[in-house]
C-alpha atoms as a PDB file:
ATOM      1  CA  UNK A   1     -20.853   4.578 -18.836  1.00  0.00           C
ATOM      2  CA  UNK A   2     -17.174   3.952 -19.553  1.00  0.00           C
ATOM      3  CA  UNK A   3     -17.574   1.455 -22.375  1.00  0.00           C
ATOM      4  CA  UNK A   4     -15.818   3.595 -24.989  1.00  0.00           C
ATOM      5  CA  UNK A   5     -12.928   4.353 -22.647  1.00  0.00           C
ATOM      6  CA  UNK A   6     -12.583   0.702 -21.617  1.00  0.00           C
ATOM      7  CA  UNK A   7     -12.532  -0.385 -25.257  1.00  0.00           C
ATOM      8  CA  UNK A   8      -9.767   2.145 -25.960  1.00  0.00           C
ATOM      9  CA  UNK A   9      -7.753   1.172 -22.874  1.00  0.00           C
ATOM     10  CA  UNK A  10      -7.923  -2.472 -23.936  1.00  0.00           C
ATOM     11  CA  UNK A  11      -6.144  -1.678 -27.214  1.00  0.00           C
ATOM     12  CA  UNK A  12      -2.823  -0.202 -26.101  1.00  0.00           C
ATOM     13  CA  UNK A  13      -1.361   2.764 -24.211  1.00  0.00           C
ATOM     14  CA  UNK A  14      -1.119   5.203 -27.112  1.00  0.00           C
ATOM     15  CA  UNK A  15      -4.591   5.009 -28.664  1.00  0.00           C
ATOM     16  CA  UNK A  16      -6.493   6.516 -25.705  1.00  0.00           C
ATOM     17  CA  UNK A  17      -4.033   9.403 -25.575  1.00  0.00           C
ATOM     18  CA  UNK A  18      -4.388  10.031 -29.316  1.00  0.00           C
ATOM     19  CA  UNK A  19      -8.188  10.297 -29.140  1.00  0.00           C
ATOM     20  CA  UNK A  20      -8.190  12.434 -26.002  1.00  0.00           C
ATOM     21  CA  UNK A  21      -9.036   9.912 -23.282  1.00  0.00           C
ATOM     22  CA  UNK A  22      -7.087  10.606 -20.079  1.00  0.00           C
ATOM     23  CA  UNK A  23      -5.642   7.144 -19.461  1.00  0.00           C
ATOM     24  CA  UNK A  24      -4.625   7.265 -15.793  1.00  0.00           C
ATOM     25  CA  UNK A  25      -7.703   9.062 -14.396  1.00  0.00           C
ATOM     26  CA  UNK A  26     -10.009   6.645 -16.219  1.00  0.00           C
ATOM     27  CA  UNK A  27      -8.049   3.633 -14.949  1.00  0.00           C
ATOM     28  CA  UNK A  28      -8.152   4.985 -11.402  1.00  0.00           C
ATOM     29  CA  UNK A  29     -11.885   5.724 -11.563  1.00  0.00           C
ATOM     30  CA  UNK A  30     -12.672   2.263 -12.940  1.00  0.00           C
ATOM     31  CA  UNK A  31     -10.457   0.614 -10.318  1.00  0.00           C
ATOM     32  CA  UNK A  32     -12.048   2.535  -7.440  1.00  0.00           C
ATOM     33  CA  UNK A  33     -15.564   1.828  -8.721  1.00  0.00           C
ATOM     34  CA  UNK A  34     -14.822  -1.877  -9.116  1.00  0.00           C
ATOM     35  CA  UNK A  35     -13.300  -2.090  -5.637  1.00  0.00           C
ATOM     36  CA  UNK A  36     -16.252  -0.323  -3.999  1.00  0.00           C
ATOM     37  CA  UNK A  37     -18.807  -2.469  -5.837  1.00  0.00           C
ATOM     38  CA  UNK A  38     -16.916  -5.661  -5.005  1.00  0.00           C
ATOM     39  CA  UNK A  39     -16.639  -4.694  -1.332  1.00  0.00           C
ATOM     40  CA  UNK A  40     -20.332  -3.822  -1.138  1.00  0.00           C
ATOM     41  CA  UNK A  41     -21.416  -7.076  -2.757  1.00  0.00           C
ATOM     42  CA  UNK A  42     -19.096  -9.172  -0.612  1.00  0.00           C
ATOM     43  CA  UNK A  43     -20.315  -7.534   2.578  1.00  0.00           C
ATOM     44  CA  UNK A  44     -23.954  -7.957   1.588  1.00  0.00           C
ATOM     45  CA  UNK A  45     -23.861 -11.475   0.162  1.00  0.00           C
ATOM     46  CA  UNK A  46     -20.781 -13.225   1.486  1.00  0.00           C
ATOM     47  CA  UNK A  47     -17.909 -15.008  -0.167  1.00  0.00           C
ATOM     48  CA  UNK A  48     -19.061 -15.795  -3.682  1.00  0.00           C
ATOM     49  CA  UNK A  49     -16.343 -13.849  -5.448  1.00  0.00           C
ATOM     50  CA  UNK A  50     -15.281 -16.694  -7.715  1.00  0.00           C
ATOM     51  CA  UNK A  51     -18.231 -15.938  -9.982  1.00  0.00           C
ATOM     52  CA  UNK A  52     -16.588 -12.564 -10.572  1.00  0.00           C
ATOM     53  CA  UNK A  53     -13.599 -14.312 -12.119  1.00  0.00           C
ATOM     54  CA  UNK A  54     -15.544 -16.640 -14.365  1.00  0.00           C
ATOM     55  CA  UNK A  55     -18.503 -14.543 -15.578  1.00  0.00           C
ATOM     56  CA  UNK A  56     -16.516 -11.867 -17.487  1.00  0.00           C
ATOM     57  CA  UNK A  57     -14.454 -14.491 -19.303  1.00  0.00           C
ATOM     58  CA  UNK A  58     -17.556 -16.455 -20.244  1.00  0.00           C
ATOM     59  CA  UNK A  59     -19.267 -13.249 -21.377  1.00  0.00           C
ATOM     60  CA  UNK A  60     -16.300 -12.277 -23.526  1.00  0.00           C
ATOM     61  CA  UNK A  61     -16.344 -15.736 -25.117  1.00  0.00           C
ATOM     62  CA  UNK A  62     -20.072 -15.377 -25.856  1.00  0.00           C
ATOM     63  CA  UNK A  63     -20.365 -11.810 -27.156  1.00  0.00           C
ATOM     64  CA  UNK A  64     -16.882 -10.667 -28.149  1.00  0.00           C
ATOM     65  CA  UNK A  65     -14.587  -8.028 -26.695  1.00  0.00           C
ATOM     66  CA  UNK A  66     -16.721  -4.862 -26.872  1.00  0.00           C
ATOM     67  CA  UNK A  67     -17.436  -3.697 -23.335  1.00  0.00           C
ATOM     68  CA  UNK A  68     -20.889  -2.372 -24.222  1.00  0.00           C
ATOM     69  CA  UNK A  69     -21.938  -6.031 -24.653  1.00  0.00           C
ATOM     70  CA  UNK A  70     -19.526  -7.747 -22.250  1.00  0.00           C
ATOM     71  CA  UNK A  71     -20.510  -5.850 -19.082  1.00  0.00           C
ATOM     72  CA  UNK A  72     -24.285  -6.522 -19.189  1.00  0.00           C
ATOM     73  CA  UNK A  73     -23.716 -10.108 -20.316  1.00  0.00           C
ATOM     74  CA  UNK A  74     -21.248 -10.708 -17.482  1.00  0.00           C
ATOM     75  CA  UNK A  75     -23.735  -9.289 -14.981  1.00  0.00           C
ATOM     76  CA  UNK A  76     -26.479 -11.579 -16.275  1.00  0.00           C
ATOM     77  CA  UNK A  77     -24.208 -14.622 -16.337  1.00  0.00           C
ATOM     78  CA  UNK A  78     -23.040 -13.892 -12.806  1.00  0.00           C
ATOM     79  CA  UNK A  79     -26.585 -13.456 -11.528  1.00  0.00           C
ATOM     80  CA  UNK A  80     -27.888 -16.577 -13.265  1.00  0.00           C
ATOM     81  CA  UNK A  81     -24.847 -18.580 -12.181  1.00  0.00           C
ATOM     82  CA  UNK A  82     -25.326 -17.564  -8.569  1.00  0.00           C
ATOM     83  CA  UNK A  83     -29.059 -18.318  -8.629  1.00  0.00           C
ATOM     84  CA  UNK A  84     -28.377 -21.755 -10.127  1.00  0.00           C
ATOM     85  CA  UNK A  85     -25.612 -22.426  -7.595  1.00  0.00           C
ATOM     86  CA  UNK A  86     -27.886 -21.439  -4.727  1.00  0.00           C
ATOM     87  CA  UNK A  87     -30.735 -23.604  -6.030  1.00  0.00           C
ATOM     88  CA  UNK A  88     -28.419 -26.593  -6.466  1.00  0.00           C
ATOM     89  CA  UNK A  89     -26.922 -26.040  -3.025  1.00  0.00           C
ATOM     90  CA  UNK A  90     -30.345 -25.976  -1.406  1.00  0.00           C
ATOM     91  CA  UNK A  91     -31.721 -29.065  -3.150  1.00  0.00           C
ATOM     92  CA  UNK A  92     -28.841 -31.555  -3.516  1.00  0.00           C
ATOM     93  CA  UNK A  93     -28.725 -32.729   0.088  1.00  0.00           C
ATOM     94  CA  UNK A  94     -32.003 -31.275   1.388  1.00  0.00           C
ATOM     95  CA  UNK A  95     -32.814 -30.413   4.169  1.00  0.00           C
ATOM     96  CA  UNK A  96     -29.127 -29.516   4.674  1.00  0.00           C
ATOM     97  CA  UNK A  97     -27.516 -26.942   2.410  1.00  0.00           C
ATOM     98  CA  UNK A  98     -24.259 -26.584   0.515  1.00  0.00           C
ATOM     99  CA  UNK A  99     -22.958 -22.983   0.439  1.00  0.00           C
ATOM    100  CA  UNK A 100     -23.493 -21.224  -2.891  1.00  0.00           C
ATOM    101  CA  UNK A 101     -19.822 -20.180  -2.954  1.00  0.00           C
ATOM    102  CA  UNK A 102     -18.742 -23.818  -2.908  1.00  0.00           C
ATOM    103  CA  UNK A 103     -21.119 -24.718  -5.747  1.00  0.00           C
ATOM    104  CA  UNK A 104     -19.921 -21.717  -7.776  1.00  0.00           C
ATOM    105  CA  UNK A 105     -16.327 -22.845  -7.257  1.00  0.00           C
ATOM    106  CA  UNK A 106     -17.150 -26.424  -8.265  1.00  0.00           C
ATOM    107  CA  UNK A 107     -18.891 -25.268 -11.427  1.00  0.00           C
ATOM    108  CA  UNK A 108     -16.513 -22.430 -12.309  1.00  0.00           C
ATOM    109  CA  UNK A 109     -13.152 -24.003 -11.487  1.00  0.00           C
ATOM    110  CA  UNK A 110     -13.097 -26.412 -14.465  1.00  0.00           C
ATOM    111  CA  UNK A 111     -13.956 -23.547 -16.830  1.00  0.00           C
ATOM    112  CA  UNK A 112     -11.294 -21.334 -15.261  1.00  0.00           C
ATOM    113  CA  UNK A 113      -8.706 -24.110 -15.577  1.00  0.00           C
ATOM    114  CA  UNK A 114      -9.728 -24.546 -19.213  1.00  0.00           C
ATOM    115  CA  UNK A 115      -9.177 -20.822 -19.807  1.00  0.00           C
ATOM    116  CA  UNK A 116      -5.741 -20.963 -18.180  1.00  0.00           C
ATOM    117  CA  UNK A 117      -4.748 -24.005 -20.237  1.00  0.00           C
ATOM    118  CA  UNK A 118      -5.996 -22.382 -23.437  1.00  0.00           C
ATOM    119  CA  UNK A 119      -3.962 -19.223 -22.863  1.00  0.00           C
ATOM    120  CA  UNK A 120      -0.786 -21.177 -22.200  1.00  0.00           C
ATOM    121  CA  UNK A 121      -1.148 -23.258 -25.395  1.00  0.00           C
END
């Protein structure tokens, strides 16, 4: 939907203006859409938002920086990561359960720390 505009906004501030993309309205629309989708998913599923930090970075590392490939890959990685976290949480100490958000954090935190360390180096 906004893949071309997102690719242009990722470059710099002048390029979108030069090719006729209204920078501020697109940023506002993307921000509002992301906030509404995040709020809806959090209210429906619960606190598993950490996957939203890790999945896009992992997707970008897998498929490159083009948003036409990053967005669907991030959605798939997030969905698969959450399904795996839920399955692990339900089976590790059965019949009790570990919350999926905790498993996601345990799996995703080392990767997130690795990303932070890599950007500082």
